[in-house]
Amino acid sequence: MRNNQNRTLQISGQEDRGLKEYFFRSRYNLLDKADIFLVLEKSQKTYNSVVFKSRNLDIISTKFNPEINYRPGTNTRIIVRYSYQDRRQQILTMDKAFINNFTSEMSWRKASEFSLDMSLSFVLIQFSGLPNSALEYDMLDGLKNGKNLLWNAVYTKRIAHNIDLTFNYEGRKAGTAPIVHVGRAQLKATF
């Protein structure tokens, strides 16, 4: 169980944010190289503003998430995951969202040399609320009603004993919005 409650006092009034999560996580070792995980979660996300009452929310969410984790070698890991979420706004508009998320991930590492992490997600969403609203953003985690596609790749190379160079690429196609590409590079020194 997790319970996170925050209150912000501002000149215009107070804002309260809350997140309560109850979850169960189970792991079954199928073979020496494979595991099956099951995560069940029930949560409540709240936002209450004195000034912006139209942005108030109380979202109840139920999540079912099975996952297969396979390690074909000591340096490689492949993950296949499915997630189903049922989210319901309890106040004002009473909107609902049903989210199906299919994800595959691959990690390849060579100790003290490099690592490569890649993922691809297909997210199918049925949302009953208004598009481009604050509630849509909160309920759908920034995604859109309909078909969403997310992908990313992160490559980290150790270029000296304590210096790592990381290249990160992310892409997304959310609903009918155009494709968004984001690239980052980071040089990190550890002392």
Protein backbone atom coordinates (compact mmCIF):
# COMPACT_ATOMS: atom_id res chain seq x y z
CA MET A 1 0.00 0.00 0.00
CA ARG A 2 1.16 3.53 -0.77
CA ASN A 3 -0.49 6.75 0.35
CA ASN A 4 0.84 10.10 -0.86
CA GLN A 5 -1.00 13.30 0.11
CA ASN A 6 0.22 16.84 -0.73
CA ARG A 7 -1.20 20.26 0.07
CA THR A 8 0.05 23.44 -1.60
CA LEU A 9 -0.90 26.80 -0.13
CA GLN A 10 -0.99 29.61 -2.67
CA ILE A 11 -2.24 33.18 -2.72
CA SER A 12 -5.27 32.05 -4.75
CA GLY A 13 -6.10 29.23 -2.30
CA GLN A 14 -5.01 25.72 -1.52
CA GLU A 15 -4.56 22.71 -3.79
CA ASP A 16 -4.69 19.14 -2.53
CA ARG A 17 -3.28 16.17 -4.47
CA GLY A 18 -3.55 12.59 -3.37
CA LEU A 19 -2.63 9.13 -4.57
CA LYS A 20 -3.63 5.96 -2.71
CA GLU A 21 -2.48 2.64 -4.15
CA TYR A 22 -3.19 -0.89 -3.04
CA PHE A 23 -1.25 -3.48 -5.01
CA PHE A 24 -0.29 -7.13 -5.10
CA ARG A 25 2.78 -8.39 -6.96
CA SER A 26 3.55 -12.05 -7.51
CA ARG A 27 6.49 -13.76 -9.24
CA TYR A 28 6.72 -17.33 -10.42
CA ASN A 29 10.04 -18.72 -11.67
CA LEU A 30 9.02 -20.77 -14.71
CA LEU A 31 12.49 -21.92 -15.76
CA ASP A 32 16.01 -20.88 -14.89
CA LYS A 33 15.75 -18.26 -17.62
CA ALA A 34 12.12 -17.13 -17.36
CA ASP A 35 9.80 -15.57 -14.81
CA ILE A 36 6.11 -14.77 -14.85
CA PHE A 37 4.92 -11.70 -12.93
CA LEU A 38 1.39 -10.71 -12.04
CA VAL A 39 0.51 -7.28 -10.67
CA LEU A 40 -2.98 -6.32 -9.47
CA GLU A 41 -3.57 -2.72 -8.42
CA LYS A 42 -6.41 -0.56 -7.16
CA SER A 43 -5.76 3.17 -6.84
CA GLN A 44 -7.43 6.52 -6.24
CA LYS A 45 -5.98 9.76 -7.63
CA THR A 46 -7.46 13.02 -6.34
CA TYR A 47 -7.02 16.71 -7.05
CA ASN A 48 -8.98 19.41 -5.24
CA SER A 49 -8.53 23.11 -5.93
CA VAL A 50 -10.32 25.97 -4.20
CA VAL A 51 -10.05 28.24 -7.26
CA PHE A 52 -10.15 25.84 -10.24
CA LYS A 53 -13.10 23.65 -9.26
CA SER A 54 -13.65 22.51 -12.86
CA ARG A 55 -10.25 20.74 -12.70
CA ASN A 56 -11.11 18.75 -9.57
CA LEU A 57 -10.83 15.02 -10.03
CA ASP A 58 -11.31 11.78 -8.18
CA ILE A 59 -10.20 8.88 -10.41
CA ILE A 60 -10.62 5.28 -9.28
CA SER A 61 -8.38 2.90 -11.23
CA THR A 62 -8.16 -0.89 -11.39
CA LYS A 63 -5.17 -2.48 -13.13
CA PHE A 64 -4.30 -6.03 -14.20
CA ASN A 65 -0.74 -6.56 -15.46
CA PRO A 66 0.76 -9.97 -16.39
CA GLU A 67 4.37 -10.06 -17.63
CA ILE A 68 6.83 -12.64 -18.98
CA ASN A 69 10.51 -11.93 -18.35
CA TYR A 70 12.96 -14.08 -20.37
CA ARG A 71 16.77 -14.09 -20.11
CA PRO A 72 18.25 -16.03 -23.07
CA GLY A 73 21.80 -15.17 -21.96
CA THR A 74 23.59 -13.43 -19.13
CA ASN A 75 23.65 -10.11 -21.04
CA THR A 76 20.17 -10.13 -22.62
CA ARG A 77 16.65 -9.74 -21.26
CA ILE A 78 13.35 -9.79 -23.16
CA ILE A 79 10.09 -8.70 -21.54
CA VAL A 80 6.56 -9.06 -22.90
CA ARG A 81 3.88 -7.29 -20.90
CA TYR A 82 0.14 -6.69 -21.13
CA SER A 83 -1.76 -4.21 -18.99
CA TYR A 84 -5.49 -3.58 -18.70
CA GLN A 85 -6.76 -0.54 -16.79
CA ASP A 86 -10.26 0.62 -15.96
CA ARG A 87 -10.29 4.27 -14.85
CA ARG A 88 -13.40 6.13 -13.71
CA GLN A 89 -13.88 9.77 -12.75
CA GLN A 90 -16.11 9.80 -9.65
CA ILE A 91 -17.14 13.49 -9.69
CA LEU A 92 -18.35 16.10 -12.20
CA THR A 93 -18.35 14.41 -15.65
CA MET A 94 -18.19 10.74 -14.48
CA ASP A 95 -15.99 9.86 -17.49
CA LYS A 96 -14.51 6.41 -18.06
CA ALA A 97 -11.36 5.11 -19.72
CA PHE A 98 -10.50 1.54 -20.68
CA ILE A 99 -6.82 1.12 -21.51
CA ASN A 100 -5.17 -1.93 -23.12
CA ASN A 101 -1.37 -1.71 -23.26
CA PHE A 102 0.81 -4.27 -25.10
CA THR A 103 4.56 -3.73 -24.50
CA SER A 104 7.75 -5.52 -25.50
CA GLU A 105 11.18 -4.59 -24.17
CA MET A 106 14.70 -5.77 -24.88
CA SER A 107 17.91 -5.07 -22.91
CA TRP A 108 21.43 -5.96 -23.97
CA ARG A 109 24.35 -5.16 -21.67
CA LYS A 110 28.06 -5.75 -21.69
CA ALA A 111 29.49 -5.02 -18.23
CA SER A 112 31.60 -1.85 -18.03
CA GLU A 113 31.27 -1.25 -21.79
CA PHE A 114 27.73 -0.45 -22.99
CA SER A 115 24.02 -1.04 -22.57
CA LEU A 116 21.17 -0.88 -25.07
CA ASP A 117 17.51 -0.74 -23.97
CA MET A 118 14.60 -0.66 -26.42
CA SER A 119 10.83 -0.80 -26.00
CA LEU A 120 7.73 -0.70 -28.15
CA SER A 121 4.17 -0.19 -26.83
CA PHE A 122 0.79 -0.29 -28.51
CA VAL A 123 -1.91 1.31 -26.34
CA LEU A 124 -5.58 1.07 -27.26
CA ILE A 125 -7.81 3.49 -25.33
CA GLN A 126 -11.57 3.96 -25.13
CA PHE A 127 -12.31 7.27 -23.39
CA SER A 128 -15.78 8.74 -22.88
CA GLY A 129 -14.70 12.31 -22.04
CA LEU A 130 -13.91 15.49 -23.91
CA PRO A 131 -10.76 15.49 -26.05
CA ASN A 132 -7.93 17.91 -25.17
CA SER A 133 -9.22 18.47 -21.64
CA ALA A 134 -7.26 18.45 -18.39
CA LEU A 135 -9.21 15.35 -17.34
CA GLU A 136 -8.22 13.52 -20.53
CA TYR A 137 -4.57 14.31 -19.84
CA ASP A 138 -4.80 13.02 -16.25
CA MET A 139 -6.84 9.90 -17.02
CA LEU A 140 -4.87 8.85 -20.10
CA ASP A 141 -1.36 9.84 -18.93
CA GLY A 142 -0.92 12.23 -21.85
CA LEU A 143 -2.12 9.74 -24.49
CA LYS A 144 -5.21 10.08 -26.69
CA ASN A 145 -8.43 8.19 -27.32
CA GLY A 146 -7.92 5.45 -29.93
CA LYS A 147 -4.66 3.86 -31.02
CA ASN A 148 -1.36 5.04 -29.53
CA LEU A 149 2.12 3.85 -30.40
CA LEU A 150 5.19 4.56 -28.22
CA TRP A 151 8.79 3.52 -28.81
CA ASN A 152 12.20 4.33 -27.38
CA ALA A 153 15.85 3.36 -27.44
CA VAL A 154 18.57 4.22 -24.92
CA TYR A 155 22.25 3.53 -25.65
CA THR A 156 24.86 4.12 -22.93
CA LYS A 157 28.58 3.79 -23.66
CA ARG A 158 31.29 3.93 -21.02
CA ILE A 159 34.00 6.12 -22.60
CA ALA A 160 36.30 6.24 -19.57
CA HIS A 161 36.46 4.61 -16.14
CA ASN A 162 33.97 7.09 -14.65
CA ILE A 163 32.42 8.77 -17.74
CA ASP A 164 29.28 7.55 -19.53
CA LEU A 165 27.79 8.90 -22.75
CA THR A 166 24.03 8.28 -23.19
CA PHE A 167 21.88 8.73 -26.29
CA ASN A 168 18.12 8.57 -25.78
CA TYR A 169 15.46 8.53 -28.52
CA GLU A 170 11.70 8.50 -27.91
CA GLY A 171 8.84 8.53 -30.37
CA ARG A 172 5.09 8.59 -30.02
CA LYS A 173 2.02 8.58 -32.19
CA ALA A 174 -0.92 9.45 -29.94
CA GLY A 175 -4.36 9.09 -31.50
CA THR A 176 -4.74 11.34 -34.54
CA ALA A 177 -1.94 13.72 -33.42
CA PRO A 178 1.21 13.87 -35.56
CA ILE A 179 4.25 11.76 -34.68
CA VAL A 180 6.54 13.30 -32.06
CA HIS A 181 10.29 12.52 -31.99
CA VAL A 182 12.50 13.44 -29.02
CA GLY A 183 16.27 12.93 -28.85
CA ARG A 184 18.63 13.56 -25.97
CA ALA A 185 22.32 13.16 -25.29
CA GLN A 186 23.96 13.18 -21.86
CA LEU A 187 27.53 13.01 -20.65
CA LYS A 188 27.80 11.85 -17.04
CA ALA A 189 30.87 11.74 -14.80
CA THR A 190 30.77 9.74 -11.58
CA PHE A 191 33.11 10.79 -8.75
